[in-house]
Structures are given as C-alpha cells and as structure tokens.
Amino acid sequence: KDEMGILYRTAFFDIMKSRAKKVDMADIEVPFGTLRVDRV
C-alpha cells in the first residue's frame, strides 16, 4: 500500500517454496534519497 506518503512492499527470498524468509519494507522519500524502514 501507499499510506501517508509511505510506500509499503514485501520482499520474499523464495516465495515459490516458503514465505518464512522476507523483509517488510517501508520507503519514506526525503531530499536526495530515501529513508528506509525494514522489518526482517
């Protein structure tokens, strides 16, 4: 989703076999780049 200017995505390492290895991602745009908030 995109909520309050924050982009939420999930990165799966091997979704074909398991959903047990992933990173929840939240991107907040700032001047010259991105503030990255990850939950492993």
PDB file of all heavy atoms in Angstrom:
ATOM      1  N   LYS A   1       0.834  -1.192   0.000  1.00  0.00           N
ATOM      2  CA  LYS A   1       0.000   0.000   0.000  1.00  0.00           C
ATOM      3  C   LYS A   1       0.874   1.250   0.000  1.00  0.00           C
ATOM      4  O   LYS A   1       2.080   1.196   0.224  1.00  0.00           O
ATOM      5  CB  LYS A   1      -0.919   0.021   1.221  1.00  0.00           C
ATOM      6  CG  LYS A   1      -0.173   0.086   2.559  1.00  0.00           C
ATOM      7  CD  LYS A   1      -1.137   0.112   3.734  1.00  0.00           C
ATOM      8  CE  LYS A   1      -0.383   0.130   5.062  1.00  0.00           C
ATOM      9  NZ  LYS A   1      -1.296   0.215   6.227  1.00  0.00           N
ATOM     10  N   ASP A   2       0.240   2.366  -0.267  1.00  0.00           N
ATOM     11  CA  ASP A   2       0.851   3.686  -0.121  1.00  0.00           C
ATOM     12  C   ASP A   2      -0.035   4.443   0.854  1.00  0.00           C
ATOM     13  O   ASP A   2      -1.183   4.758   0.545  1.00  0.00           O
ATOM     14  CB  ASP A   2       0.905   4.400  -1.476  1.00  0.00           C
ATOM     15  CG  ASP A   2       1.585   5.765  -1.401  1.00  0.00           C
ATOM     16  OD1 ASP A   2       1.616   6.357  -0.306  1.00  0.00           O
ATOM     17  OD2 ASP A   2       2.065   6.243  -2.431  1.00  0.00           O
ATOM     18  N   GLU A   3       0.505   4.732   2.026  1.00  0.00           N
ATOM     19  CA  GLU A   3      -0.294   5.355   3.077  1.00  0.00           C
ATOM     20  C   GLU A   3       0.498   6.471   3.742  1.00  0.00           C
ATOM     21  O   GLU A   3       1.643   6.269   4.156  1.00  0.00           O
ATOM     22  CB  GLU A   3      -0.691   4.299   4.111  1.00  0.00           C
ATOM     23  CG  GLU A   3      -1.607   4.806   5.203  1.00  0.00           C
ATOM     24  CD  GLU A   3      -2.046   3.673   6.115  1.00  0.00           C
ATOM     25  OE1 GLU A   3      -3.092   3.053   5.816  1.00  0.00           O
ATOM     26  OE2 GLU A   3      -1.334   3.386   7.099  1.00  0.00           O
ATOM     27  N   MET A   4      -0.082   7.650   3.794  1.00  0.00           N
ATOM     28  CA  MET A   4       0.556   8.810   4.417  1.00  0.00           C
ATOM     29  C   MET A   4       1.929   9.087   3.801  1.00  0.00           C
ATOM     30  O   MET A   4       2.875   9.482   4.487  1.00  0.00           O
ATOM     31  CB  MET A   4       0.679   8.602   5.926  1.00  0.00           C
ATOM     32  CG  MET A   4      -0.628   8.384   6.647  1.00  0.00           C
ATOM     33  SD  MET A   4      -1.705   9.836   6.582  1.00  0.00           S
ATOM     34  CE  MET A   4      -0.800  10.956   7.662  1.00  0.00           C
ATOM     35  N   GLY A   5       2.040   8.851   2.498  1.00  0.00           N
ATOM     36  CA  GLY A   5       3.301   9.111   1.820  1.00  0.00           C
ATOM     37  C   GLY A   5       4.345   8.031   2.000  1.00  0.00           C
ATOM     38  O   GLY A   5       5.470   8.173   1.512  1.00  0.00           O
ATOM     39  N   ILE A   6       4.002   6.949   2.693  1.00  0.00           N
ATOM     40  CA  ILE A   6       4.935   5.847   2.919  1.00  0.00           C
ATOM     41  C   ILE A   6       4.568   4.692   1.994  1.00  0.00           C
ATOM     42  O   ILE A   6       3.411   4.272   1.929  1.00  0.00           O
ATOM     43  CB  ILE A   6       4.907   5.376   4.385  1.00  0.00           C
ATOM     44  CG1 ILE A   6       5.229   6.539   5.326  1.00  0.00           C
ATOM     45  CG2 ILE A   6       5.906   4.239   4.598  1.00  0.00           C
ATOM     46  CD1 ILE A   6       5.089   6.191   6.798  1.00  0.00           C
ATOM     47  N   LEU A   7       5.553   4.172   1.264  1.00  0.00           N
ATOM     48  CA  LEU A   7       5.350   3.044   0.370  1.00  0.00           C
ATOM     49  C   LEU A   7       5.687   1.751   1.103  1.00  0.00           C
ATOM     50  O   LEU A   7       6.801   1.589   1.613  1.00  0.00           O
ATOM     51  CB  LEU A   7       6.240   3.178  -0.870  1.00  0.00           C
ATOM     52  CG  LEU A   7       6.261   1.983  -1.835  1.00  0.00           C
ATOM     53  CD1 LEU A   7       4.897   1.787  -2.485  1.00  0.00           C
ATOM     54  CD2 LEU A   7       7.356   2.158  -2.885  1.00  0.00           C
ATOM     55  N   TYR A   8       4.729   0.831   1.153  1.00  0.00           N
ATOM     56  CA  TYR A   8       4.925  -0.448   1.819  1.00  0.00           C
ATOM     57  C   TYR A   8       4.994  -1.571   0.782  1.00  0.00           C
ATOM     58  O   TYR A   8       4.105  -1.725  -0.054  1.00  0.00           O
ATOM     59  CB  TYR A   8       3.779  -0.734   2.793  1.00  0.00           C
ATOM     60  CG  TYR A   8       3.717   0.221   3.964  1.00  0.00           C
ATOM     61  CD1 TYR A   8       2.905   1.347   3.923  1.00  0.00           C
ATOM     62  CD2 TYR A   8       4.470  -0.014   5.114  1.00  0.00           C
ATOM     63  CE1 TYR A   8       2.837   2.224   4.994  1.00  0.00           C
ATOM     64  CE2 TYR A   8       4.416   0.851   6.196  1.00  0.00           C
ATOM     65  CZ  TYR A   8       3.593   1.977   6.130  1.00  0.00           C
ATOM     66  OH  TYR A   8       3.540   2.837   7.192  1.00  0.00           O
ATOM     67  N   ARG A   9       6.065  -2.359   0.847  1.00  0.00           N
ATOM     68  CA  ARG A   9       6.231  -3.527  -0.001  1.00  0.00           C
ATOM     69  C   ARG A   9       6.782  -4.676   0.846  1.00  0.00           C
ATOM     70  O   ARG A   9       7.245  -4.460   1.965  1.00  0.00           O
ATOM     71  CB  ARG A   9       7.215  -3.247  -1.144  1.00  0.00           C
ATOM     72  CG  ARG A   9       6.767  -2.189  -2.123  1.00  0.00           C
ATOM     73  CD  ARG A   9       7.870  -1.861  -3.132  1.00  0.00           C
ATOM     74  NE  ARG A   9       8.999  -1.172  -2.518  1.00  0.00           N
ATOM     75  CZ  ARG A   9      10.172  -0.961  -3.114  1.00  0.00           C
ATOM     76  NH1 ARG A   9      10.382  -1.427  -4.342  1.00  0.00           N
ATOM     77  NH2 ARG A   9      11.144  -0.310  -2.494  1.00  0.00           N
ATOM     78  N   THR A  10       6.756  -5.885   0.302  1.00  0.00           N
ATOM     79  CA  THR A  10       7.381  -7.032   0.959  1.00  0.00           C
ATOM     80  C   THR A  10       8.280  -7.749  -0.032  1.00  0.00           C
ATOM     81  O   THR A  10       7.862  -8.028  -1.165  1.00  0.00           O
ATOM     82  CB  THR A  10       6.339  -8.018   1.511  1.00  0.00           C
ATOM     83  OG1 THR A  10       5.542  -7.369   2.497  1.00  0.00           O
ATOM     84  CG2 THR A  10       7.021  -9.229   2.142  1.00  0.00           C
ATOM     85  N   ALA A  11       9.507  -8.032   0.383  1.00  0.00           N
ATOM     86  CA  ALA A  11      10.467  -8.757  -0.448  1.00  0.00           C
ATOM     87  C   ALA A  11      10.562 -10.194   0.059  1.00  0.00           C
ATOM     88  O   ALA A  11      10.860 -10.419   1.239  1.00  0.00           O
ATOM     89  CB  ALA A  11      11.832  -8.087  -0.382  1.00  0.00           C
ATOM     90  N   PHE A  12      10.293 -11.157  -0.823  1.00  0.00           N
ATOM     91  CA  PHE A  12      10.360 -12.576  -0.470  1.00  0.00           C
ATOM     92  C   PHE A  12      11.625 -13.184  -1.075  1.00  0.00           C
ATOM     93  O   PHE A  12      11.906 -12.989  -2.249  1.00  0.00           O
ATOM     94  CB  PHE A  12       9.140 -13.320  -1.018  1.00  0.00           C
ATOM     95  CG  PHE A  12       7.829 -12.882  -0.430  1.00  0.00           C
ATOM     96  CD1 PHE A  12       7.104 -11.850  -1.006  1.00  0.00           C
ATOM     97  CD2 PHE A  12       7.329 -13.508   0.698  1.00  0.00           C
ATOM     98  CE1 PHE A  12       5.892 -11.448  -0.469  1.00  0.00           C
ATOM     99  CE2 PHE A  12       6.110 -13.113   1.245  1.00  0.00           C
ATOM    100  CZ  PHE A  12       5.395 -12.077   0.665  1.00  0.00           C
ATOM    101  N   PHE A  13      12.334 -13.966  -0.271  1.00  0.00           N
ATOM    102  CA  PHE A  13      13.566 -14.587  -0.764  1.00  0.00           C
ATOM    103  C   PHE A  13      13.289 -15.830  -1.607  1.00  0.00           C
ATOM    104  O   PHE A  13      14.052 -16.133  -2.520  1.00  0.00           O
ATOM    105  CB  PHE A  13      14.498 -14.922   0.396  1.00  0.00           C
ATOM    106  CG  PHE A  13      15.193 -13.714   0.944  1.00  0.00           C
ATOM    107  CD1 PHE A  13      14.665 -13.014   2.010  1.00  0.00           C
ATOM    108  CD2 PHE A  13      16.362 -13.243   0.365  1.00  0.00           C
ATOM    109  CE1 PHE A  13      15.292 -11.880   2.505  1.00  0.00           C
ATOM    110  CE2 PHE A  13      16.999 -12.110   0.843  1.00  0.00           C
ATOM    111  CZ  PHE A  13      16.453 -11.424   1.920  1.00  0.00           C
ATOM    112  N   ASP A  14      12.230 -16.558  -1.291  1.00  0.00           N
ATOM    113  CA  ASP A  14      11.891 -17.716  -2.115  1.00  0.00           C
ATOM    114  C   ASP A  14      10.419 -18.033  -1.927  1.00  0.00           C
ATOM    115  O   ASP A  14      10.053 -19.003  -1.263  1.00  0.00           O
ATOM    116  CB  ASP A  14      12.750 -18.928  -1.749  1.00  0.00           C
ATOM    117  CG  ASP A  14      12.643 -20.039  -2.787  1.00  0.00           C
ATOM    118  OD1 ASP A  14      11.790 -19.912  -3.682  1.00  0.00           O
ATOM    119  OD2 ASP A  14      13.397 -21.018  -2.695  1.00  0.00           O
ATOM    120  N   ILE A  15       9.574 -17.213  -2.512  1.00  0.00           N
ATOM    121  CA  ILE A  15       8.135 -17.365  -2.323  1.00  0.00           C
ATOM    122  C   ILE A  15       7.616 -18.662  -2.941  1.00  0.00           C
ATOM    123  O   ILE A  15       6.558 -19.160  -2.569  1.00  0.00           O
ATOM    124  CB  ILE A  15       7.385 -16.143  -2.912  1.00  0.00           C
ATOM    125  CG1 ILE A  15       5.965 -16.090  -2.369  1.00  0.00           C
ATOM    126  CG2 ILE A  15       7.421 -16.169  -4.422  1.00  0.00           C
ATOM    127  CD1 ILE A  15       5.222 -14.828  -2.737  1.00  0.00           C
ATOM    128  N   MET A  16       8.365 -19.222  -3.885  1.00  0.00           N
ATOM    129  CA  MET A  16       7.949 -20.471  -4.519  1.00  0.00           C
ATOM    130  C   MET A  16       7.912 -21.623  -3.501  1.00  0.00           C
ATOM    131  O   MET A  16       7.117 -22.545  -3.618  1.00  0.00           O
ATOM    132  CB  MET A  16       8.901 -20.841  -5.654  1.00  0.00           C
ATOM    133  CG  MET A  16       9.078 -19.773  -6.720  1.00  0.00           C
ATOM    134  SD  MET A  16       7.603 -19.567  -7.718  1.00  0.00           S
ATOM    135  CE  MET A  16       8.246 -18.514  -9.031  1.00  0.00           C
ATOM    136  N   LYS A  17       8.780 -21.566  -2.490  1.00  0.00           N
ATOM    137  CA  LYS A  17       8.893 -22.652  -1.520  1.00  0.00           C
ATOM    138  C   LYS A  17       8.345 -22.277  -0.145  1.00  0.00           C
ATOM    139  O   LYS A  17       7.760 -23.099   0.536  1.00  0.00           O
ATOM    140  CB  LYS A  17      10.362 -23.071  -1.378  1.00  0.00           C
ATOM    141  CG  LYS A  17      10.962 -23.655  -2.644  1.00  0.00           C
ATOM    142  CD  LYS A  17      12.415 -24.046  -2.408  1.00  0.00           C
ATOM    143  CE  LYS A  17      13.036 -24.637  -3.671  1.00  0.00           C
ATOM    144  NZ  LYS A  17      14.468 -24.985  -3.470  1.00  0.00           N
ATOM    145  N   SER A  18       8.598 -21.029   0.262  1.00  0.00           N
ATOM    146  CA  SER A  18       8.243 -20.653   1.630  1.00  0.00           C
ATOM    147  C   SER A  18       8.066 -19.146   1.742  1.00  0.00           C
ATOM    148  O   SER A  18       8.665 -18.383   0.991  1.00  0.00           O
ATOM    149  CB  SER A  18       9.348 -21.102   2.599  1.00  0.00           C
ATOM    150  OG  SER A  18       9.169 -20.529   3.869  1.00  0.00           O
ATOM    151  N   ARG A  19       7.209 -18.751   2.679  1.00  0.00           N
ATOM    152  CA  ARG A  19       7.069 -17.327   2.977  1.00  0.00           C
ATOM    153  C   ARG A  19       7.754 -16.969   4.298  1.00  0.00           C
ATOM    154  O   ARG A  19       7.492 -15.937   4.880  1.00  0.00           O
ATOM    155  CB  ARG A  19       5.588 -16.948   3.061  1.00  0.00           C
ATOM    156  CG  ARG A  19       4.867 -17.062   1.728  1.00  0.00           C
ATOM    157  CD  ARG A  19       3.491 -16.450   1.797  1.00  0.00           C
ATOM    158  NE  ARG A  19       2.820 -16.487   0.514  1.00  0.00           N
ATOM    159  CZ  ARG A  19       1.678 -15.865   0.256  1.00  0.00           C
ATOM    160  NH1 ARG A  19       1.087 -15.163   1.204  1.00  0.00           N
ATOM    161  NH2 ARG A  19       1.122 -15.937  -0.930  1.00  0.00           N
ATOM    162  N   ALA A  20       8.644 -17.829   4.733  1.00  0.00           N
ATOM    163  CA  ALA A  20       9.274 -17.639   6.039  1.00  0.00           C
ATOM    164  C   ALA A  20      10.483 -16.722   5.988  1.00  0.00           C
ATOM    165  O   ALA A  20      10.980 -16.305   7.028  1.00  0.00           O
ATOM    166  CB  ALA A  20       9.690 -18.986   6.627  1.00  0.00           C
ATOM    167  N   LYS A  21      10.967 -16.402   4.798  1.00  0.00           N
ATOM    168  CA  LYS A  21      12.132 -15.525   4.673  1.00  0.00           C
ATOM    169  C   LYS A  21      11.731 -14.304   3.844  1.00  0.00           C
ATOM    170  O   LYS A  21      11.553 -14.410   2.627  1.00  0.00           O
ATOM    171  CB  LYS A  21      13.307 -16.263   4.022  1.00  0.00           C
ATOM    172  CG  LYS A  21      13.870 -17.386   4.870  1.00  0.00           C
ATOM    173  CD  LYS A  21      15.156 -17.948   4.293  1.00  0.00           C
ATOM    174  CE  LYS A  21      14.921 -18.709   3.016  1.00  0.00           C
ATOM    175  NZ  LYS A  21      16.159 -19.392   2.549  1.00  0.00           N
ATOM    176  N   LYS A  22      11.600 -13.177   4.516  1.00  0.00           N
ATOM    177  CA  LYS A  22      11.127 -11.982   3.822  1.00  0.00           C
ATOM    178  C   LYS A  22      11.516 -10.736   4.596  1.00  0.00           C
ATOM    179  O   LYS A  22      11.902 -10.785   5.772  1.00  0.00           O
ATOM    180  CB  LYS A  22       9.623 -12.034   3.635  1.00  0.00           C
ATOM    181  CG  LYS A  22       8.838 -12.334   4.898  1.00  0.00           C
ATOM    182  CD  LYS A  22       7.424 -12.775   4.563  1.00  0.00           C
ATOM    183  CE  LYS A  22       6.751 -13.408   5.764  1.00  0.00           C
ATOM    184  NZ  LYS A  22       5.425 -13.967   5.442  1.00  0.00           N
ATOM    185  N   VAL A  23      11.391  -9.607   3.904  1.00  0.00           N
ATOM    186  CA  VAL A  23      11.646  -8.301   4.508  1.00  0.00           C
ATOM    187  C   VAL A  23      10.450  -7.413   4.201  1.00  0.00           C
ATOM    188  O   VAL A  23      10.084  -7.213   3.043  1.00  0.00           O
ATOM    189  CB  VAL A  23      12.928  -7.646   3.942  1.00  0.00           C
ATOM    190  CG1 VAL A  23      13.130  -6.261   4.566  1.00  0.00           C
ATOM    191  CG2 VAL A  23      14.145  -8.516   4.199  1.00  0.00           C
ATOM    192  N   ASP A  24       9.825  -6.888   5.250  1.00  0.00           N
ATOM    193  CA  ASP A  24       8.779  -5.885   5.076  1.00  0.00           C
ATOM    194  C   ASP A  24       9.459  -4.530   4.914  1.00  0.00           C
ATOM    195  O   ASP A  24      10.296  -4.145   5.741  1.00  0.00           O
ATOM    196  CB  ASP A  24       7.850  -5.855   6.296  1.00  0.00           C
ATOM    197  CG  ASP A  24       7.087  -7.161   6.459  1.00  0.00           C
ATOM    198  OD1 ASP A  24       6.636  -7.704   5.439  1.00  0.00           O
ATOM    199  OD2 ASP A  24       6.952  -7.634   7.607  1.00  0.00           O
ATOM    200  N   MET A  25       9.090  -3.811   3.879  1.00  0.00           N
ATOM    201  CA  MET A  25       9.780  -2.569   3.516  1.00  0.00           C
ATOM    202  C   MET A  25       8.843  -1.374   3.635  1.00  0.00           C
ATOM    203  O   MET A  25       7.680  -1.448   3.236  1.00  0.00           O
ATOM    204  CB  MET A  25      10.290  -2.665   2.071  1.00  0.00           C
ATOM    205  CG  MET A  25      11.080  -3.911   1.760  1.00  0.00           C
ATOM    206  SD  MET A  25      11.096  -4.303  -0.015  1.00  0.00           S
ATOM    207  CE  MET A  25      11.932  -2.848  -0.667  1.00  0.00           C
ATOM    208  N   ALA A  26       9.379  -0.285   4.146  1.00  0.00           N
ATOM    209  CA  ALA A  26       8.652   0.984   4.170  1.00  0.00           C
ATOM    210  C   ALA A  26       9.608   2.069   3.681  1.00  0.00           C
ATOM    211  O   ALA A  26      10.664   2.284   4.277  1.00  0.00           O
ATOM    212  CB  ALA A  26       8.148   1.309   5.571  1.00  0.00           C
ATOM    213  N   ASP A  27       9.244   2.747   2.597  1.00  0.00           N
ATOM    214  CA  ASP A  27      10.089   3.784   1.994  1.00  0.00           C
ATOM    215  C   ASP A  27       9.479   5.155   2.246  1.00  0.00           C
ATOM    216  O   ASP A  27       8.311   5.398   1.912  1.00  0.00           O
ATOM    217  CB  ASP A  27      10.213   3.577   0.482  1.00  0.00           C
ATOM    218  CG  ASP A  27      11.120   2.413   0.126  1.00  0.00           C
ATOM    219  OD1 ASP A  27      11.346   1.565   1.002  1.00  0.00           O
ATOM    220  OD2 ASP A  27      11.579   2.346  -1.028  1.00  0.00           O
ATOM    221  N   ILE A  28      10.270   6.054   2.809  1.00  0.00           N
ATOM    222  CA  ILE A  28       9.862   7.440   3.036  1.00  0.00           C
ATOM    223  C   ILE A  28      10.807   8.321   2.231  1.00  0.00           C
ATOM    224  O   ILE A  28      12.022   8.317   2.452  1.00  0.00           O
ATOM    225  CB  ILE A  28       9.936   7.805   4.532  1.00  0.00           C
ATOM    226  CG1 ILE A  28       9.069   6.855   5.361  1.00  0.00           C
ATOM    227  CG2 ILE A  28       9.505   9.252   4.745  1.00  0.00           C
ATOM    228  CD1 ILE A  28       9.277   6.982   6.858  1.00  0.00           C
ATOM    229  N   GLU A  29      10.268   9.067   1.279  1.00  0.00           N
ATOM    230  CA  GLU A  29      11.106   9.877   0.393  1.00  0.00           C
ATOM    231  C   GLU A  29      11.559  11.152   1.086  1.00  0.00           C
ATOM    232  O   GLU A  29      10.771  11.844   1.730  1.00  0.00           O
ATOM    233  CB  GLU A  29      10.350  10.215  -0.890  1.00  0.00           C
ATOM    234  CG  GLU A  29       9.652   9.023  -1.548  1.00  0.00           C
ATOM    235  CD  GLU A  29      10.540   7.805  -1.755  1.00  0.00           C
ATOM    236  OE1 GLU A  29      11.771   7.970  -1.869  1.00  0.00           O
ATOM    237  OE2 GLU A  29      10.003   6.684  -1.799  1.00  0.00           O
ATOM    238  N   VAL A  30      12.852  11.456   0.952  1.00  0.00           N
ATOM    239  CA  VAL A  30      13.462  12.644   1.548  1.00  0.00           C
ATOM    240  C   VAL A  30      14.341  13.308   0.492  1.00  0.00           C
ATOM    241  O   VAL A  30      14.611  12.716  -0.555  1.00  0.00           O
ATOM    242  CB  VAL A  30      14.313  12.272   2.787  1.00  0.00           C
ATOM    243  CG1 VAL A  30      13.468  11.573   3.835  1.00  0.00           C
ATOM    244  CG2 VAL A  30      15.495  11.404   2.388  1.00  0.00           C
ATOM    245  N   PRO A  31      14.796  14.536   0.703  1.00  0.00           N
ATOM    246  CA  PRO A  31      15.697  15.173  -0.266  1.00  0.00           C
ATOM    247  C   PRO A  31      16.917  14.302  -0.556  1.00  0.00           C
ATOM    248  O   PRO A  31      17.563  13.803   0.366  1.00  0.00           O
ATOM    249  CB  PRO A  31      16.088  16.476   0.434  1.00  0.00           C
ATOM    250  CG  PRO A  31      14.917  16.799   1.313  1.00  0.00           C
ATOM    251  CD  PRO A  31      14.437  15.464   1.806  1.00  0.00           C
ATOM    252  N   PHE A  32      17.191  14.056  -1.822  1.00  0.00           N
ATOM    253  CA  PHE A  32      18.329  13.290  -2.328  1.00  0.00           C
ATOM    254  C   PHE A  32      18.219  11.786  -2.121  1.00  0.00           C
ATOM    255  O   PHE A  32      19.131  11.052  -2.472  1.00  0.00           O
ATOM    256  CB  PHE A  32      19.656  13.781  -1.721  1.00  0.00           C
ATOM    257  CG  PHE A  32      20.003  15.191  -2.083  1.00  0.00           C
ATOM    258  CD1 PHE A  32      19.858  16.217  -1.163  1.00  0.00           C
ATOM    259  CD2 PHE A  32      20.468  15.506  -3.357  1.00  0.00           C
ATOM    260  CE1 PHE A  32      20.178  17.525  -1.491  1.00  0.00           C
ATOM    261  CE2 PHE A  32      20.780  16.806  -3.699  1.00  0.00           C
ATOM    262  CZ  PHE A  32      20.640  17.829  -2.769  1.00  0.00           C
ATOM    263  N   GLY A  33      17.113  11.293  -1.553  1.00  0.00           N
ATOM    264  CA  GLY A  33      17.059   9.848  -1.385  1.00  0.00           C
ATOM    265  C   GLY A  33      15.858   9.342  -0.623  1.00  0.00           C
ATOM    266  O   GLY A  33      14.761   9.898  -0.690  1.00  0.00           O
ATOM    267  N   THR A  34      16.092   8.278   0.154  1.00  0.00           N
ATOM    268  CA  THR A  34      15.012   7.549   0.819  1.00  0.00           C
ATOM    269  C   THR A  34      15.412   7.162   2.233  1.00  0.00           C
ATOM    270  O   THR A  34      16.533   6.691   2.465  1.00  0.00           O
ATOM    271  CB  THR A  34      14.672   6.253   0.049  1.00  0.00           C
ATOM    272  OG1 THR A  34      14.300   6.584  -1.294  1.00  0.00           O
ATOM    273  CG2 THR A  34      13.530   5.503   0.703  1.00  0.00           C
ATOM    274  N   LEU A  35      14.495   7.363   3.164  1.00  0.00           N
ATOM    275  CA  LEU A  35      14.630   6.794   4.494  1.00  0.00           C
ATOM    276  C   LEU A  35      13.978   5.417   4.446  1.00  0.00           C
ATOM    277  O   LEU A  35      12.783   5.296   4.182  1.00  0.00           O
ATOM    278  CB  LEU A  35      13.941   7.667   5.537  1.00  0.00           C
ATOM    279  CG  LEU A  35      13.956   7.119   6.971  1.00  0.00           C
ATOM    280  CD1 LEU A  35      15.379   7.077   7.512  1.00  0.00           C
ATOM    281  CD2 LEU A  35      13.064   7.945   7.888  1.00  0.00           C
ATOM    282  N   ARG A  36      14.767   4.372   4.683  1.00  0.00           N
ATOM    283  CA  ARG A  36      14.281   3.006   4.572  1.00  0.00           C
ATOM    284  C   ARG A  36      14.042   2.417   5.963  1.00  0.00           C
ATOM    285  O   ARG A  36      14.943   2.416   6.817  1.00  0.00           O
ATOM    286  CB  ARG A  36      15.290   2.140   3.813  1.00  0.00           C
ATOM    287  CG  ARG A  36      15.573   2.665   2.419  1.00  0.00           C
ATOM    288  CD  ARG A  36      16.403   1.700   1.586  1.00  0.00           C
ATOM    289  NE  ARG A  36      16.489   2.197   0.221  1.00  0.00           N
ATOM    290  CZ  ARG A  36      15.529   2.076  -0.676  1.00  0.00           C
ATOM    291  NH1 ARG A  36      14.422   1.446  -0.338  1.00  0.00           N
ATOM    292  NH2 ARG A  36      15.659   2.577  -1.883  1.00  0.00           N
ATOM    293  N   VAL A  37      12.841   1.914   6.156  1.00  0.00           N
ATOM    294  CA  VAL A  37      12.477   1.254   7.408  1.00  0.00           C
ATOM    295  C   VAL A  37      12.116  -0.185   7.072  1.00  0.00           C
ATOM    296  O   VAL A  37      11.152  -0.440   6.349  1.00  0.00           O
ATOM    297  CB  VAL A  37      11.286   1.961   8.092  1.00  0.00           C
ATOM    298  CG1 VAL A  37      10.990   1.301   9.437  1.00  0.00           C
ATOM    299  CG2 VAL A  37      11.561   3.445   8.271  1.00  0.00           C
ATOM    300  N   ASP A  38      12.898  -1.122   7.578  1.00  0.00           N
ATOM    301  CA  ASP A  38      12.715  -2.533   7.240  1.00  0.00           C
ATOM    302  C   ASP A  38      12.399  -3.361   8.478  1.00  0.00           C
ATOM    303  O   ASP A  38      12.946  -3.107   9.569  1.00  0.00           O
ATOM    304  CB  ASP A  38      13.981  -3.108   6.592  1.00  0.00           C
ATOM    305  CG  ASP A  38      14.308  -2.438   5.269  1.00  0.00           C
ATOM    306  OD1 ASP A  38      13.364  -2.145   4.518  1.00  0.00           O
ATOM    307  OD2 ASP A  38      15.503  -2.205   4.995  1.00  0.00           O
ATOM    308  N   ARG A  39      11.522  -4.333   8.300  1.00  0.00           N
ATOM    309  CA  ARG A  39      11.267  -5.334   9.339  1.00  0.00           C
ATOM    310  C   ARG A  39      11.634  -6.688   8.756  1.00  0.00           C
ATOM    311  O   ARG A  39      11.031  -7.139   7.778  1.00  0.00           O
ATOM    312  CB  ARG A  39       9.803  -5.318   9.772  1.00  0.00           C
ATOM    313  CG  ARG A  39       9.485  -6.331  10.869  1.00  0.00           C
ATOM    314  CD  ARG A  39       8.056  -6.217  11.360  1.00  0.00           C
ATOM    315  NE  ARG A  39       7.081  -6.562  10.328  1.00  0.00           N
ATOM    316  CZ  ARG A  39       5.757  -6.488  10.499  1.00  0.00           C
ATOM    317  NH1 ARG A  39       5.282  -6.032  11.651  1.00  0.00           N
ATOM    318  NH2 ARG A  39       4.936  -6.839   9.531  1.00  0.00           N
ATOM    319  N   VAL A  40      12.620  -7.351   9.358  1.00  0.00           N
ATOM    320  CA  VAL A  40      13.128  -8.612   8.833  1.00  0.00           C
ATOM    321  C   VAL A  40      12.406  -9.777   9.489  1.00  0.00           C
ATOM    322  O   VAL A  40      12.288  -9.839  10.720  1.00  0.00           O
ATOM    323  CB  VAL A  40      14.646  -8.744   9.088  1.00  0.00           C
ATOM    324  CG1 VAL A  40      15.183 -10.000   8.414  1.00  0.00           C
ATOM    325  CG2 VAL A  40      15.369  -7.517   8.580  1.00  0.00           C
TER     326      VAL A  40
END
